[in-house]
Amino acid sequence: MNEELQNRDMDLRELFVAQKYEAIIEILNSMEDEDVYEITTTNWGVVKKYNEMDRVDLLRQHITFVAYTSLLVEYAGQRTLLPEDDFKVKYNLFEEIFAKLQVE
């Protein structure tokens, strides 16, 4: 991700923490498909690595980031930036994480 896109991602994360969801959607709607896709897949890759480490404590510690990334995946799916099979794989990761968090 280039620096401009990283800055945009950080701005979106700050809005997520502030629970300004309409503002997030407005920004995402104004972005190019490729940029939304890149932010979504980059962040999803990080969450996937957290999950593969099988450290529920780490997932819990970064739950806001996990939730933010879940929102991005859902948005990208609705915008059809992810093929349906890819969307299902990405979305299922969050269901798996949720199940892990419920157990502990």
N, C-alpha and C. Protein backbone atom coordinates (compact mmCIF):
# COMPACT_ATOMS: atom_id res chain seq x y z
N MET A 1 0.85 -1.17 0.00
CA MET A 1 0.00 0.00 0.00
C MET A 1 0.90 1.24 0.00
N ASN A 2 0.60 2.18 -0.85
CA ASN A 2 1.39 3.41 -0.87
C ASN A 2 1.04 4.30 0.32
N GLU A 3 1.84 5.32 0.53
CA GLU A 3 1.67 6.16 1.71
C GLU A 3 0.32 6.87 1.74
N GLU A 4 -0.13 7.34 0.60
CA GLU A 4 -1.44 8.02 0.54
C GLU A 4 -2.57 7.08 0.95
N LEU A 5 -2.49 5.86 0.47
CA LEU A 5 -3.53 4.87 0.80
C LEU A 5 -3.43 4.47 2.27
N GLN A 6 -2.22 4.37 2.80
CA GLN A 6 -2.05 4.08 4.22
C GLN A 6 -2.66 5.19 5.07
N ASN A 7 -2.47 6.43 4.66
CA ASN A 7 -3.07 7.56 5.39
C ASN A 7 -4.58 7.50 5.34
N ARG A 8 -5.12 7.17 4.18
CA ARG A 8 -6.57 7.06 4.03
C ARG A 8 -7.10 5.96 4.95
N ASP A 9 -6.38 4.84 4.99
CA ASP A 9 -6.76 3.72 5.85
C ASP A 9 -6.76 4.15 7.31
N MET A 10 -5.76 4.88 7.73
CA MET A 10 -5.69 5.37 9.12
C MET A 10 -6.85 6.31 9.42
N ASP A 11 -7.19 7.17 8.47
CA ASP A 11 -8.33 8.07 8.65
C ASP A 11 -9.62 7.27 8.83
N LEU A 12 -9.77 6.23 8.02
CA LEU A 12 -10.97 5.38 8.12
C LEU A 12 -11.01 4.67 9.46
N ARG A 13 -9.87 4.19 9.93
CA ARG A 13 -9.82 3.52 11.24
C ARG A 13 -10.23 4.48 12.36
N GLU A 14 -9.74 5.71 12.29
CA GLU A 14 -10.10 6.71 13.31
C GLU A 14 -11.61 6.97 13.30
N LEU A 15 -12.19 7.05 12.11
CA LEU A 15 -13.64 7.24 12.01
C LEU A 15 -14.38 6.02 12.57
N PHE A 16 -13.83 4.85 12.36
CA PHE A 16 -14.45 3.63 12.89
C PHE A 16 -14.45 3.67 14.42
N VAL A 17 -13.33 4.03 15.00
CA VAL A 17 -13.23 4.11 16.46
C VAL A 17 -14.23 5.15 16.99
N ALA A 18 -14.41 6.23 16.25
CA ALA A 18 -15.35 7.28 16.64
C ALA A 18 -16.79 6.91 16.29
N GLN A 19 -17.00 5.74 15.71
CA GLN A 19 -18.30 5.23 15.31
C GLN A 19 -19.02 6.16 14.32
N LYS A 20 -18.26 6.69 13.39
CA LYS A 20 -18.81 7.56 12.34
C LYS A 20 -18.93 6.75 11.06
N TYR A 21 -19.87 5.81 11.09
CA TYR A 21 -20.01 4.85 10.01
C TYR A 21 -20.47 5.49 8.69
N GLU A 22 -21.34 6.47 8.78
CA GLU A 22 -21.80 7.14 7.55
C GLU A 22 -20.64 7.83 6.85
N ALA A 23 -19.76 8.44 7.64
CA ALA A 23 -18.59 9.11 7.07
C ALA A 23 -17.66 8.09 6.40
N ILE A 24 -17.52 6.93 7.02
CA ILE A 24 -16.69 5.87 6.44
C ILE A 24 -17.24 5.45 5.09
N ILE A 25 -18.54 5.23 5.03
CA ILE A 25 -19.18 4.78 3.79
C ILE A 25 -19.05 5.86 2.72
N GLU A 26 -19.22 7.12 3.09
CA GLU A 26 -19.06 8.21 2.12
C GLU A 26 -17.66 8.21 1.52
N ILE A 27 -16.65 8.05 2.37
CA ILE A 27 -15.27 8.03 1.88
C ILE A 27 -15.04 6.81 1.00
N LEU A 28 -15.48 5.65 1.46
CA LEU A 28 -15.31 4.44 0.65
C LEU A 28 -16.01 4.57 -0.70
N ASN A 29 -17.21 5.16 -0.70
CA ASN A 29 -17.95 5.35 -1.95
C ASN A 29 -17.20 6.25 -2.93
N SER A 30 -16.41 7.17 -2.39
CA SER A 30 -15.69 8.12 -3.25
C SER A 30 -14.36 7.56 -3.75
N MET A 31 -13.95 6.43 -3.22
CA MET A 31 -12.65 5.86 -3.57
C MET A 31 -12.75 4.96 -4.81
N GLU A 32 -11.63 4.82 -5.48
CA GLU A 32 -11.53 3.93 -6.64
C GLU A 32 -11.66 2.48 -6.15
N ASP A 33 -12.23 1.64 -7.00
CA ASP A 33 -12.39 0.22 -6.68
C ASP A 33 -11.08 -0.42 -6.24
N GLU A 34 -10.01 -0.14 -6.98
CA GLU A 34 -8.72 -0.76 -6.70
C GLU A 34 -8.20 -0.37 -5.32
N ASP A 35 -8.44 0.86 -4.91
CA ASP A 35 -7.96 1.32 -3.60
C ASP A 35 -8.74 0.67 -2.46
N VAL A 36 -10.05 0.57 -2.61
CA VAL A 36 -10.86 -0.09 -1.59
C VAL A 36 -10.45 -1.56 -1.50
N TYR A 37 -10.25 -2.18 -2.64
CA TYR A 37 -9.85 -3.58 -2.68
C TYR A 37 -8.51 -3.77 -1.97
N GLU A 38 -7.55 -2.88 -2.25
CA GLU A 38 -6.23 -3.01 -1.66
C GLU A 38 -6.26 -2.83 -0.14
N ILE A 39 -6.98 -1.83 0.34
CA ILE A 39 -7.10 -1.62 1.79
C ILE A 39 -7.76 -2.84 2.44
N THR A 40 -8.81 -3.31 1.81
CA THR A 40 -9.55 -4.44 2.36
C THR A 40 -8.69 -5.70 2.43
N THR A 41 -8.04 -6.05 1.34
CA THR A 41 -7.27 -7.29 1.32
C THR A 41 -6.01 -7.20 2.17
N THR A 42 -5.40 -6.03 2.24
CA THR A 42 -4.21 -5.86 3.09
C THR A 42 -4.58 -6.05 4.55
N ASN A 43 -5.63 -5.39 5.00
CA ASN A 43 -6.05 -5.51 6.39
C ASN A 43 -6.53 -6.93 6.70
N TRP A 44 -7.25 -7.54 5.76
CA TRP A 44 -7.72 -8.91 5.97
C TRP A 44 -6.54 -9.86 6.13
N GLY A 45 -5.49 -9.64 5.37
CA GLY A 45 -4.29 -10.46 5.49
C GLY A 45 -3.69 -10.39 6.88
N VAL A 46 -3.71 -9.22 7.48
CA VAL A 46 -3.19 -9.06 8.84
C VAL A 46 -4.06 -9.83 9.83
N VAL A 47 -5.38 -9.68 9.71
CA VAL A 47 -6.30 -10.39 10.60
C VAL A 47 -6.13 -11.89 10.43
N LYS A 48 -5.96 -12.34 9.20
CA LYS A 48 -5.77 -13.76 8.93
C LYS A 48 -4.52 -14.27 9.64
N LYS A 49 -3.44 -13.50 9.60
CA LYS A 49 -2.21 -13.91 10.28
C LYS A 49 -2.42 -14.00 11.80
N TYR A 50 -3.13 -13.01 12.36
CA TYR A 50 -3.46 -13.07 13.80
C TYR A 50 -4.19 -14.37 14.10
N ASN A 51 -5.16 -14.70 13.27
CA ASN A 51 -5.97 -15.90 13.50
C ASN A 51 -5.14 -17.16 13.36
N GLU A 52 -4.28 -17.21 12.36
CA GLU A 52 -3.45 -18.39 12.13
C GLU A 52 -2.47 -18.62 13.27
N MET A 53 -2.13 -17.58 14.00
CA MET A 53 -1.25 -17.73 15.16
C MET A 53 -1.99 -18.42 16.30
N ASP A 54 -3.31 -18.51 16.17
CA ASP A 54 -4.18 -19.15 17.16
C ASP A 54 -4.01 -18.54 18.55
N ARG A 55 -3.86 -17.22 18.55
CA ARG A 55 -3.72 -16.50 19.81
C ARG A 55 -4.96 -15.65 20.01
N VAL A 56 -5.91 -16.19 20.72
CA VAL A 56 -7.17 -15.49 20.96
C VAL A 56 -6.92 -14.20 21.72
N ASP A 57 -5.92 -14.21 22.60
CA ASP A 57 -5.59 -12.99 23.35
C ASP A 57 -5.18 -11.86 22.41
N LEU A 58 -4.46 -12.20 21.34
CA LEU A 58 -4.04 -11.20 20.36
C LEU A 58 -5.24 -10.68 19.57
N LEU A 59 -6.12 -11.58 19.20
CA LEU A 59 -7.34 -11.16 18.49
C LEU A 59 -8.18 -10.24 19.37
N ARG A 60 -8.31 -10.61 20.63
CA ARG A 60 -9.09 -9.80 21.55
C ARG A 60 -8.44 -8.42 21.75
N GLN A 61 -7.12 -8.41 21.86
CA GLN A 61 -6.39 -7.16 22.05
C GLN A 61 -6.60 -6.20 20.87
N HIS A 62 -6.74 -6.77 19.68
CA HIS A 62 -6.89 -5.95 18.47
C HIS A 62 -8.30 -6.07 17.90
N ILE A 63 -9.28 -6.23 18.77
CA ILE A 63 -10.66 -6.46 18.32
C ILE A 63 -11.22 -5.30 17.50
N THR A 64 -10.81 -4.09 17.81
CA THR A 64 -11.30 -2.95 17.03
C THR A 64 -10.80 -3.04 15.59
N PHE A 65 -9.55 -3.42 15.41
CA PHE A 65 -9.00 -3.59 14.07
C PHE A 65 -9.70 -4.73 13.35
N VAL A 66 -9.96 -5.81 14.07
CA VAL A 66 -10.67 -6.95 13.48
C VAL A 66 -12.07 -6.52 13.03
N ALA A 67 -12.76 -5.78 13.87
CA ALA A 67 -14.11 -5.31 13.53
C ALA A 67 -14.08 -4.34 12.35
N TYR A 68 -13.11 -3.45 12.34
CA TYR A 68 -12.95 -2.50 11.23
C TYR A 68 -12.74 -3.26 9.92
N THR A 69 -11.87 -4.26 9.96
CA THR A 69 -11.59 -5.04 8.76
C THR A 69 -12.82 -5.82 8.32
N SER A 70 -13.60 -6.30 9.26
CA SER A 70 -14.84 -6.99 8.94
C SER A 70 -15.78 -6.05 8.18
N LEU A 71 -15.85 -4.81 8.62
CA LEU A 71 -16.68 -3.82 7.94
C LEU A 71 -16.19 -3.62 6.51
N LEU A 72 -14.87 -3.54 6.33
CA LEU A 72 -14.31 -3.36 4.98
C LEU A 72 -14.66 -4.54 4.09
N VAL A 73 -14.55 -5.75 4.61
CA VAL A 73 -14.87 -6.94 3.82
C VAL A 73 -16.34 -6.94 3.43
N GLU A 74 -17.19 -6.62 4.38
CA GLU A 74 -18.62 -6.57 4.08
C GLU A 74 -18.91 -5.51 3.02
N TYR A 75 -18.30 -4.35 3.16
CA TYR A 75 -18.50 -3.27 2.19
C TYR A 75 -18.00 -3.71 0.80
N ALA A 76 -16.80 -4.27 0.74
CA ALA A 76 -16.24 -4.69 -0.54
C ALA A 76 -17.11 -5.77 -1.19
N GLY A 77 -17.69 -6.63 -0.36
CA GLY A 77 -18.60 -7.64 -0.88
C GLY A 77 -19.86 -7.04 -1.47
N GLN A 78 -20.43 -6.07 -0.76
CA GLN A 78 -21.64 -5.40 -1.24
C GLN A 78 -21.36 -4.61 -2.51
N ARG A 79 -20.18 -4.08 -2.60
CA ARG A 79 -19.79 -3.30 -3.79
C ARG A 79 -19.33 -4.22 -4.91
N THR A 80 -19.34 -5.50 -4.68
CA THR A 80 -18.92 -6.56 -5.60
C THR A 80 -17.48 -6.39 -6.08
N LEU A 81 -16.62 -5.96 -5.16
CA LEU A 81 -15.20 -5.86 -5.46
C LEU A 81 -14.50 -7.19 -5.23
N LEU A 82 -15.18 -8.07 -4.50
CA LEU A 82 -14.66 -9.41 -4.22
C LEU A 82 -15.55 -10.42 -4.92
N PRO A 83 -14.95 -11.37 -5.65
CA PRO A 83 -15.78 -12.44 -6.21
C PRO A 83 -16.50 -13.16 -5.06
N GLU A 84 -17.66 -13.71 -5.34
CA GLU A 84 -18.48 -14.30 -4.28
C GLU A 84 -17.73 -15.34 -3.45
N ASP A 85 -16.98 -16.21 -4.12
CA ASP A 85 -16.23 -17.25 -3.38
C ASP A 85 -15.19 -16.62 -2.46
N ASP A 86 -14.51 -15.59 -2.95
CA ASP A 86 -13.49 -14.89 -2.16
C ASP A 86 -14.15 -14.18 -0.97
N PHE A 87 -15.30 -13.58 -1.22
CA PHE A 87 -16.02 -12.91 -0.14
C PHE A 87 -16.38 -13.91 0.97
N LYS A 88 -16.87 -15.08 0.57
CA LYS A 88 -17.25 -16.10 1.55
C LYS A 88 -16.06 -16.53 2.39
N VAL A 89 -14.91 -16.73 1.77
CA VAL A 89 -13.70 -17.12 2.49
C VAL A 89 -13.32 -16.03 3.48
N LYS A 90 -13.32 -14.79 3.00
CA LYS A 90 -12.92 -13.68 3.85
C LYS A 90 -13.92 -13.48 5.00
N TYR A 91 -15.20 -13.56 4.69
CA TYR A 91 -16.21 -13.35 5.72
C TYR A 91 -16.21 -14.49 6.75
N ASN A 92 -15.98 -15.71 6.28
CA ASN A 92 -15.94 -16.87 7.18
C ASN A 92 -14.84 -16.73 8.22
N LEU A 93 -13.76 -16.05 7.89
CA LEU A 93 -12.70 -15.83 8.86
C LEU A 93 -13.24 -15.10 10.08
N PHE A 94 -14.08 -14.12 9.87
CA PHE A 94 -14.62 -13.35 10.99
C PHE A 94 -15.59 -14.20 11.82
N GLU A 95 -16.34 -15.06 11.17
CA GLU A 95 -17.21 -15.98 11.91
C GLU A 95 -16.37 -16.92 12.77
N GLU A 96 -15.26 -17.39 12.22
CA GLU A 96 -14.36 -18.27 12.97
C GLU A 96 -13.78 -17.53 14.19
N ILE A 97 -13.36 -16.30 13.97
CA ILE A 97 -12.80 -15.49 15.06
C ILE A 97 -13.86 -15.25 16.14
N PHE A 98 -15.06 -14.92 15.71
CA PHE A 98 -16.16 -14.69 16.67
C PHE A 98 -16.39 -15.93 17.52
N ALA A 99 -16.38 -17.10 16.87
CA ALA A 99 -16.58 -18.35 17.61
C ALA A 99 -15.45 -18.55 18.63
N LYS A 100 -14.21 -18.27 18.25
CA LYS A 100 -13.09 -18.39 19.17
C LYS A 100 -13.24 -17.46 20.35
N LEU A 101 -13.68 -16.24 20.09
CA LEU A 101 -13.83 -15.26 21.17
C LEU A 101 -14.95 -15.64 22.11
N GLN A 102 -15.96 -16.33 21.61
CA GLN A 102 -17.08 -16.76 22.45
C GLN A 102 -16.66 -17.85 23.43
N VAL A 103 -15.74 -18.69 23.01
CA VAL A 103 -15.31 -19.83 23.83
C VAL A 103 -14.52 -19.35 25.05
N GLU A 104 -13.69 -18.36 24.84
CA GLU A 104 -12.82 -17.90 25.95
C GLU A 104 -13.51 -16.92 26.86
